[in-house]
Amino acid sequence: MVLTQEQREWLSLTLVPGVGSAAFIRLLARFHTPGQVLQAPYEQLREMVGKELAQRIAQYTDVVDIEGQERAMARCGREAYHA
């Protein structure tokens, strides 16, 4: 399964440890899209969600394995069709 860039951004933001539904909604209300959240300046993120979570979001490529998620989704898709 190959995800679009927009899908990768949605998945990335949801996989950042500590980004729960409340933080997710606040971030989207402020920045409008997951891509804009992921590219937001650290200082703006920190004001909204605190230092630790802002740091994880700013460094999301270090904490989120999108390629691994895509592989897992592809495996699940194949298994679902062969079940």
PDB file of N, CA and C in Angstrom:
ATOM      1  N   MET A   1       0.845  -1.185   0.000  1.00  0.00           N
ATOM      2  CA  MET A   1       0.000   0.000   0.000  1.00  0.00           C
ATOM      3  C   MET A   1       0.882   1.237   0.000  1.00  0.00           C
ATOM      4  N   VAL A   2       0.632   2.108  -0.935  1.00  0.00           N
ATOM      5  CA  VAL A   2       1.380   3.359  -1.022  1.00  0.00           C
ATOM      6  C   VAL A   2       0.445   4.495  -0.622  1.00  0.00           C
ATOM      7  N   LEU A   3       0.883   5.256   0.348  1.00  0.00           N
ATOM      8  CA  LEU A   3       0.082   6.373   0.838  1.00  0.00           C
ATOM      9  C   LEU A   3       0.456   7.656   0.102  1.00  0.00           C
ATOM     10  N   THR A   4      -0.512   8.547  -0.018  1.00  0.00           N
ATOM     11  CA  THR A   4      -0.224   9.873  -0.547  1.00  0.00           C
ATOM     12  C   THR A   4       0.523  10.659   0.524  1.00  0.00           C
ATOM     13  N   GLN A   5       1.106  11.771   0.144  1.00  0.00           N
ATOM     14  CA  GLN A   5       1.808  12.611   1.111  1.00  0.00           C
ATOM     15  C   GLN A   5       0.847  13.093   2.202  1.00  0.00           C
ATOM     16  N   GLU A   6      -0.347  13.455   1.818  1.00  0.00           N
ATOM     17  CA  GLU A   6      -1.326  13.911   2.806  1.00  0.00           C
ATOM     18  C   GLU A   6      -1.680  12.792   3.787  1.00  0.00           C
ATOM     19  N   GLN A   7      -1.869  11.585   3.289  1.00  0.00           N
ATOM     20  CA  GLN A   7      -2.154  10.450   4.168  1.00  0.00           C
ATOM     21  C   GLN A   7      -0.980  10.178   5.109  1.00  0.00           C
ATOM     22  N   ARG A   8       0.236  10.290   4.588  1.00  0.00           N
ATOM     23  CA  ARG A   8       1.434  10.094   5.414  1.00  0.00           C
ATOM     24  C   ARG A   8       1.479  11.138   6.533  1.00  0.00           C
ATOM     25  N   GLU A   9       1.089  12.363   6.245  1.00  0.00           N
ATOM     26  CA  GLU A   9       1.089  13.422   7.258  1.00  0.00           C
ATOM     27  C   GLU A   9       0.049  13.150   8.336  1.00  0.00           C
ATOM     28  N   TRP A  10      -1.157  12.743   7.943  1.00  0.00           N
ATOM     29  CA  TRP A  10      -2.199  12.399   8.919  1.00  0.00           C
ATOM     30  C   TRP A  10      -1.714  11.258   9.809  1.00  0.00           C
ATOM     31  N   LEU A  11      -1.169  10.220   9.196  1.00  0.00           N
ATOM     32  CA  LEU A  11      -0.688   9.071   9.952  1.00  0.00           C
ATOM     33  C   LEU A  11       0.469   9.463  10.855  1.00  0.00           C
ATOM     34  N   SER A  12       1.395  10.251  10.360  1.00  0.00           N
ATOM     35  CA  SER A  12       2.540  10.685  11.168  1.00  0.00           C
ATOM     36  C   SER A  12       2.093  11.406  12.422  1.00  0.00           C
ATOM     37  N   LEU A  13       1.185  12.351  12.266  1.00  0.00           N
ATOM     38  CA  LEU A  13       0.744  13.118  13.434  1.00  0.00           C
ATOM     39  C   LEU A  13       0.031  12.231  14.441  1.00  0.00           C
ATOM     40  N   THR A  14      -0.778  11.301  13.973  1.00  0.00           N
ATOM     41  CA  THR A  14      -1.489  10.429  14.914  1.00  0.00           C
ATOM     42  C   THR A  14      -0.545   9.468  15.627  1.00  0.00           C
ATOM     43  N   LEU A  15       0.608   9.187  15.037  1.00  0.00           N
ATOM     44  CA  LEU A  15       1.553   8.236  15.634  1.00  0.00           C
ATOM     45  C   LEU A  15       2.580   8.889  16.552  1.00  0.00           C
ATOM     46  N   VAL A  16       2.609  10.211  16.626  1.00  0.00           N
ATOM     47  CA  VAL A  16       3.534  10.869  17.549  1.00  0.00           C
ATOM     48  C   VAL A  16       3.063  10.560  18.970  1.00  0.00           C
ATOM     49  N   PRO A  17       3.930   9.932  19.774  1.00  0.00           N
ATOM     50  CA  PRO A  17       3.535   9.614  21.156  1.00  0.00           C
ATOM     51  C   PRO A  17       3.091  10.859  21.915  1.00  0.00           C
ATOM     52  N   GLY A  18       1.931  10.766  22.533  1.00  0.00           N
ATOM     53  CA  GLY A  18       1.412  11.877  23.321  1.00  0.00           C
ATOM     54  C   GLY A  18       0.395  12.741  22.604  1.00  0.00           C
ATOM     55  N   VAL A  19       0.262  12.566  21.294  1.00  0.00           N
ATOM     56  CA  VAL A  19      -0.747  13.336  20.559  1.00  0.00           C
ATOM     57  C   VAL A  19      -2.063  12.561  20.649  1.00  0.00           C
ATOM     58  N   GLY A  20      -2.835  12.900  21.652  1.00  0.00           N
ATOM     59  CA  GLY A  20      -4.143  12.302  21.809  1.00  0.00           C
ATOM     60  C   GLY A  20      -5.185  13.094  21.037  1.00  0.00           C
ATOM     61  N   SER A  21      -6.421  12.706  21.193  1.00  0.00           N
ATOM     62  CA  SER A  21      -7.480  13.346  20.414  1.00  0.00           C
ATOM     63  C   SER A  21      -7.630  14.832  20.743  1.00  0.00           C
ATOM     64  N   ALA A  22      -7.503  15.211  22.008  1.00  0.00           N
ATOM     65  CA  ALA A  22      -7.659  16.623  22.377  1.00  0.00           C
ATOM     66  C   ALA A  22      -6.535  17.473  21.771  1.00  0.00           C
ATOM     67  N   ALA A  23      -5.299  17.016  21.896  1.00  0.00           N
ATOM     68  CA  ALA A  23      -4.174  17.755  21.319  1.00  0.00           C
ATOM     69  C   ALA A  23      -4.285  17.801  19.796  1.00  0.00           C
ATOM     70  N   PHE A  24      -4.698  16.693  19.203  1.00  0.00           N
ATOM     71  CA  PHE A  24      -4.849  16.615  17.754  1.00  0.00           C
ATOM     72  C   PHE A  24      -5.841  17.669  17.269  1.00  0.00           C
ATOM     73  N   ILE A  25      -6.972  17.764  17.930  1.00  0.00           N
ATOM     74  CA  ILE A  25      -8.010  18.723  17.546  1.00  0.00           C
ATOM     75  C   ILE A  25      -7.520  20.157  17.736  1.00  0.00           C
ATOM     76  N   ARG A  26      -6.853  20.443  18.867  1.00  0.00           N
ATOM     77  CA  ARG A  26      -6.314  21.793  19.098  1.00  0.00           C
ATOM     78  C   ARG A  26      -5.294  22.168  18.030  1.00  0.00           C
ATOM     79  N   LEU A  27      -4.423  21.233  17.703  1.00  0.00           N
ATOM     80  CA  LEU A  27      -3.391  21.501  16.696  1.00  0.00           C
ATOM     81  C   LEU A  27      -4.010  21.756  15.325  1.00  0.00           C
ATOM     82  N   LEU A  28      -4.995  20.952  14.955  1.00  0.00           N
ATOM     83  CA  LEU A  28      -5.643  21.159  13.659  1.00  0.00           C
ATOM     84  C   LEU A  28      -6.431  22.465  13.634  1.00  0.00           C
ATOM     85  N   ALA A  29      -7.037  22.831  14.750  1.00  0.00           N
ATOM     86  CA  ALA A  29      -7.774  24.098  14.808  1.00  0.00           C
ATOM     87  C   ALA A  29      -6.827  25.275  14.576  1.00  0.00           C
ATOM     88  N   ARG A  30      -5.605  25.164  15.056  1.00  0.00           N
ATOM     89  CA  ARG A  30      -4.625  26.249  14.918  1.00  0.00           C
ATOM     90  C   ARG A  30      -3.903  26.230  13.568  1.00  0.00           C
ATOM     91  N   PHE A  31      -3.477  25.035  13.126  1.00  0.00           N
ATOM     92  CA  PHE A  31      -2.623  24.943  11.947  1.00  0.00           C
ATOM     93  C   PHE A  31      -3.345  24.418  10.700  1.00  0.00           C
ATOM     94  N   HIS A  32      -4.544  23.909  10.855  1.00  0.00           N
ATOM     95  CA  HIS A  32      -5.440  23.505   9.763  1.00  0.00           C
ATOM     96  C   HIS A  32      -5.173  22.147   9.130  1.00  0.00           C
ATOM     97  N   THR A  33      -3.931  21.740   8.957  1.00  0.00           N
ATOM     98  CA  THR A  33      -3.648  20.430   8.373  1.00  0.00           C
ATOM     99  C   THR A  33      -2.514  19.765   9.156  1.00  0.00           C
ATOM    100  N   PRO A  34      -2.462  18.433   9.141  1.00  0.00           N
ATOM    101  CA  PRO A  34      -1.348  17.749   9.802  1.00  0.00           C
ATOM    102  C   PRO A  34       0.002  18.172   9.235  1.00  0.00           C
ATOM    103  N   GLY A  35       0.070  18.392   7.932  1.00  0.00           N
ATOM    104  CA  GLY A  35       1.329  18.820   7.334  1.00  0.00           C
ATOM    105  C   GLY A  35       1.810  20.133   7.905  1.00  0.00           C
ATOM    106  N   GLN A  36       0.890  21.067   8.116  1.00  0.00           N
ATOM    107  CA  GLN A  36       1.271  22.359   8.692  1.00  0.00           C
ATOM    108  C   GLN A  36       1.668  22.210  10.154  1.00  0.00           C
ATOM    109  N   VAL A  37       1.028  21.285  10.869  1.00  0.00           N
ATOM    110  CA  VAL A  37       1.433  21.018  12.255  1.00  0.00           C
ATOM    111  C   VAL A  37       2.868  20.501  12.268  1.00  0.00           C
ATOM    112  N   LEU A  38       3.152  19.532  11.409  1.00  0.00           N
ATOM    113  CA  LEU A  38       4.476  18.911  11.386  1.00  0.00           C
ATOM    114  C   LEU A  38       5.578  19.884  10.966  1.00  0.00           C
ATOM    115  N   GLN A  39       5.208  20.928  10.250  1.00  0.00           N
ATOM    116  CA  GLN A  39       6.183  21.926   9.802  1.00  0.00           C
ATOM    117  C   GLN A  39       6.172  23.191  10.661  1.00  0.00           C
ATOM    118  N   ALA A  40       5.320  23.223  11.664  1.00  0.00           N
ATOM    119  CA  ALA A  40       5.185  24.423  12.500  1.00  0.00           C
ATOM    120  C   ALA A  40       6.459  24.689  13.299  1.00  0.00           C
ATOM    121  N   PRO A  41       6.740  25.947  13.560  1.00  0.00           N
ATOM    122  CA  PRO A  41       7.895  26.289  14.400  1.00  0.00           C
ATOM    123  C   PRO A  41       7.729  25.719  15.813  1.00  0.00           C
ATOM    124  N   TYR A  42       8.823  25.244  16.359  1.00  0.00           N
ATOM    125  CA  TYR A  42       8.823  24.650  17.697  1.00  0.00           C
ATOM    126  C   TYR A  42       8.173  25.567  18.732  1.00  0.00           C
ATOM    127  N   GLU A  43       8.497  26.847  18.695  1.00  0.00           N
ATOM    128  CA  GLU A  43       7.963  27.781  19.689  1.00  0.00           C
ATOM    129  C   GLU A  43       6.438  27.833  19.664  1.00  0.00           C
ATOM    130  N   GLN A  44       5.853  27.813  18.477  1.00  0.00           N
ATOM    131  CA  GLN A  44       4.391  27.831  18.379  1.00  0.00           C
ATOM    132  C   GLN A  44       3.801  26.532  18.913  1.00  0.00           C
ATOM    133  N   LEU A  45       4.447  25.419  18.606  1.00  0.00           N
ATOM    134  CA  LEU A  45       3.977  24.132  19.124  1.00  0.00           C
ATOM    135  C   LEU A  45       4.079  24.103  20.651  1.00  0.00           C
ATOM    136  N   ARG A  46       5.194  24.587  21.180  1.00  0.00           N
ATOM    137  CA  ARG A  46       5.416  24.575  22.624  1.00  0.00           C
ATOM    138  C   ARG A  46       4.349  25.373  23.364  1.00  0.00           C
ATOM    139  N   GLU A  47       3.967  26.506  22.801  1.00  0.00           N
ATOM    140  CA  GLU A  47       2.925  27.328  23.421  1.00  0.00           C
ATOM    141  C   GLU A  47       1.605  26.569  23.509  1.00  0.00           C
ATOM    142  N   MET A  48       1.359  25.691  22.547  1.00  0.00           N
ATOM    143  CA  MET A  48       0.078  24.979  22.500  1.00  0.00           C
ATOM    144  C   MET A  48       0.062  23.688  23.307  1.00  0.00           C
ATOM    145  N   VAL A  49       1.159  22.919  23.221  1.00  0.00           N
ATOM    146  CA  VAL A  49       1.115  21.571  23.785  1.00  0.00           C
ATOM    147  C   VAL A  49       2.224  21.282  24.790  1.00  0.00           C
ATOM    148  N   GLY A  50       3.040  22.254  25.107  1.00  0.00           N
ATOM    149  CA  GLY A  50       4.116  22.055  26.066  1.00  0.00           C
ATOM    150  C   GLY A  50       5.410  21.606  25.404  1.00  0.00           C
ATOM    151  N   LYS A  51       6.469  21.678  26.183  1.00  0.00           N
ATOM    152  CA  LYS A  51       7.822  21.442  25.680  1.00  0.00           C
ATOM    153  C   LYS A  51       8.036  20.025  25.147  1.00  0.00           C
ATOM    154  N   GLU A  52       7.668  19.015  25.936  1.00  0.00           N
ATOM    155  CA  GLU A  52       7.959  17.634  25.551  1.00  0.00           C
ATOM    156  C   GLU A  52       7.219  17.214  24.285  1.00  0.00           C
ATOM    157  N   LEU A  53       5.930  17.483  24.241  1.00  0.00           N
ATOM    158  CA  LEU A  53       5.163  17.087  23.068  1.00  0.00           C
ATOM    159  C   LEU A  53       5.571  17.909  21.849  1.00  0.00           C
ATOM    160  N   ALA A  54       5.852  19.178  22.042  1.00  0.00           N
ATOM    161  CA  ALA A  54       6.315  20.018  20.928  1.00  0.00           C
ATOM    162  C   ALA A  54       7.606  19.451  20.349  1.00  0.00           C
ATOM    163  N   GLN A  55       8.486  18.996  21.215  1.00  0.00           N
ATOM    164  CA  GLN A  55       9.749  18.425  20.757  1.00  0.00           C
ATOM    165  C   GLN A  55       9.511  17.133  19.963  1.00  0.00           C
ATOM    166  N   ARG A  56       8.613  16.285  20.445  1.00  0.00           N
ATOM    167  CA  ARG A  56       8.303  15.045  19.706  1.00  0.00           C
ATOM    168  C   ARG A  56       7.688  15.350  18.350  1.00  0.00           C
ATOM    169  N   ILE A  57       6.797  16.340  18.295  1.00  0.00           N
ATOM    170  CA  ILE A  57       6.187  16.710  17.013  1.00  0.00           C
ATOM    171  C   ILE A  57       7.255  17.275  16.081  1.00  0.00           C
ATOM    172  N   ALA A  58       8.092  18.158  16.593  1.00  0.00           N
ATOM    173  CA  ALA A  58       9.128  18.776  15.772  1.00  0.00           C
ATOM    174  C   ALA A  58      10.119  17.743  15.251  1.00  0.00           C
ATOM    175  N   GLN A  59      10.306  16.660  15.994  1.00  0.00           N
ATOM    176  CA  GLN A  59      11.243  15.614  15.595  1.00  0.00           C
ATOM    177  C   GLN A  59      10.499  14.338  15.199  1.00  0.00           C
ATOM    178  N   TYR A  60       9.309  14.494  14.623  1.00  0.00           N
ATOM    179  CA  TYR A  60       8.458  13.339  14.344  1.00  0.00           C
ATOM    180  C   TYR A  60       9.138  12.285  13.489  1.00  0.00           C
ATOM    181  N   THR A  61      10.045  12.676  12.606  1.00  0.00           N
ATOM    182  CA  THR A  61      10.708  11.668  11.772  1.00  0.00           C
ATOM    183  C   THR A  61      11.594  10.752  12.607  1.00  0.00           C
ATOM    184  N   ASP A  62      11.979  11.204  13.810  1.00  0.00           N
ATOM    185  CA  ASP A  62      12.775  10.364  14.703  1.00  0.00           C
ATOM    186  C   ASP A  62      11.916   9.409  15.527  1.00  0.00           C
ATOM    187  N   VAL A  63      10.622   9.691  15.681  1.00  0.00           N
ATOM    188  CA  VAL A  63       9.773   8.873  16.543  1.00  0.00           C
ATOM    189  C   VAL A  63       8.681   8.116  15.789  1.00  0.00           C
ATOM    190  N   VAL A  64       8.505   8.402  14.514  1.00  0.00           N
ATOM    191  CA  VAL A  64       7.448   7.767  13.727  1.00  0.00           C
ATOM    192  C   VAL A  64       8.075   7.015  12.555  1.00  0.00           C
ATOM    193  N   ASP A  65       7.718   5.737  12.417  1.00  0.00           N
ATOM    194  CA  ASP A  65       8.225   4.903  11.323  1.00  0.00           C
ATOM    195  C   ASP A  65       7.118   4.726  10.286  1.00  0.00           C
ATOM    196  N   ILE A  66       6.984   5.707   9.397  1.00  0.00           N
ATOM    197  CA  ILE A  66       5.925   5.668   8.386  1.00  0.00           C
ATOM    198  C   ILE A  66       6.113   4.498   7.439  1.00  0.00           C
ATOM    199  N   GLU A  67       7.340   4.267   7.003  1.00  0.00           N
ATOM    200  CA  GLU A  67       7.579   3.161   6.074  1.00  0.00           C
ATOM    201  C   GLU A  67       7.191   1.830   6.702  1.00  0.00           C
ATOM    202  N   GLY A  68       7.516   1.661   7.971  1.00  0.00           N
ATOM    203  CA  GLY A  68       7.122   0.446   8.683  1.00  0.00           C
ATOM    204  C   GLY A  68       5.609   0.312   8.768  1.00  0.00           C
ATOM    205  N   GLN A  69       4.935   1.421   8.989  1.00  0.00           N
ATOM    206  CA  GLN A  69       3.471   1.401   9.043  1.00  0.00           C
ATOM    207  C   GLN A  69       2.888   1.043   7.682  1.00  0.00           C
ATOM    208  N   GLU A  70       3.469   1.595   6.621  1.00  0.00           N
ATOM    209  CA  GLU A  70       2.988   1.266   5.277  1.00  0.00           C
ATOM    210  C   GLU A  70       3.173  -0.221   4.981  1.00  0.00           C
ATOM    211  N   ARG A  71       4.323  -0.774   5.377  1.00  0.00           N
ATOM    212  CA  ARG A  71       4.551  -2.213   5.171  1.00  0.00           C
ATOM    213  C   ARG A  71       3.532  -3.041   5.952  1.00  0.00           C
ATOM    214  N   ALA A  72       3.274  -2.658   7.190  1.00  0.00           N
ATOM    215  CA  ALA A  72       2.304  -3.386   8.014  1.00  0.00           C
ATOM    216  C   ALA A  72       0.907  -3.305   7.409  1.00  0.00           C
ATOM    217  N   MET A  73       0.542  -2.131   6.905  1.00  0.00           N
ATOM    218  CA  MET A  73      -0.771  -1.968   6.284  1.00  0.00           C
ATOM    219  C   MET A  73      -0.869  -2.816   5.020  1.00  0.00           C
ATOM    220  N   ALA A  74       0.205  -2.887   4.264  1.00  0.00           N
ATOM    221  CA  ALA A  74       0.210  -3.705   3.052  1.00  0.00           C
ATOM    222  C   ALA A  74       0.060  -5.175   3.408  1.00  0.00           C
ATOM    223  N   ARG A  75       0.766  -5.608   4.458  1.00  0.00           N
ATOM    224  CA  ARG A  75       0.640  -7.012   4.899  1.00  0.00           C
ATOM    225  C   ARG A  75      -0.788  -7.309   5.338  1.00  0.00           C
ATOM    226  N   CYS A  76      -1.368  -6.401   6.091  1.00  0.00           N
ATOM    227  CA  CYS A  76      -2.751  -6.599   6.552  1.00  0.00           C
ATOM    228  C   CYS A  76      -3.708  -6.648   5.366  1.00  0.00           C
ATOM    229  N   GLY A  77      -3.481  -5.807   4.394  1.00  0.00           N
ATOM    230  CA  GLY A  77      -4.327  -5.794   3.201  1.00  0.00           C
ATOM    231  C   GLY A  77      -4.233  -7.089   2.437  1.00  0.00           C
ATOM    232  N   ARG A  78      -3.031  -7.619   2.280  1.00  0.00           N
ATOM    233  CA  ARG A  78      -2.852  -8.894   1.576  1.00  0.00           C
ATOM    234  C   ARG A  78      -3.500 -10.023   2.345  1.00  0.00           C
ATOM    235  N   GLU A  79      -3.313 -10.015   3.669  1.00  0.00           N
ATOM    236  CA  GLU A  79      -3.875 -11.073   4.496  1.00  0.00           C
ATOM    237  C   GLU A  79      -5.396 -11.026   4.482  1.00  0.00           C
ATOM    238  N   ALA A  80      -5.960  -9.833   4.473  1.00  0.00           N
ATOM    239  CA  ALA A  80      -7.415  -9.701   4.454  1.00  0.00           C
ATOM    240  C   ALA A  80      -8.003 -10.267   3.157  1.00  0.00           C
ATOM    241  N   TYR A  81      -7.292 -10.054   2.046  1.00  0.00           N
ATOM    242  CA  TYR A  81      -7.804 -10.538   0.770  1.00  0.00           C
ATOM    243  C   TYR A  81      -7.612 -12.037   0.615  1.00  0.00           C
ATOM    244  N   HIS A  82      -6.661 -12.613   1.326  1.00  0.00           N
ATOM    245  CA  HIS A  82      -6.389 -14.048   1.205  1.00  0.00           C
ATOM    246  C   HIS A  82      -7.048 -14.860   2.294  1.00  0.00           C
ATOM    247  N   ALA A  83      -7.753 -14.228   3.186  1.00  0.00           N
ATOM    248  CA  ALA A  83      -8.377 -14.942   4.299  1.00  0.00           C
ATOM    249  C   ALA A  83      -9.605 -15.708   3.850  1.00  0.00           C
TER     250      ALA A  83
END
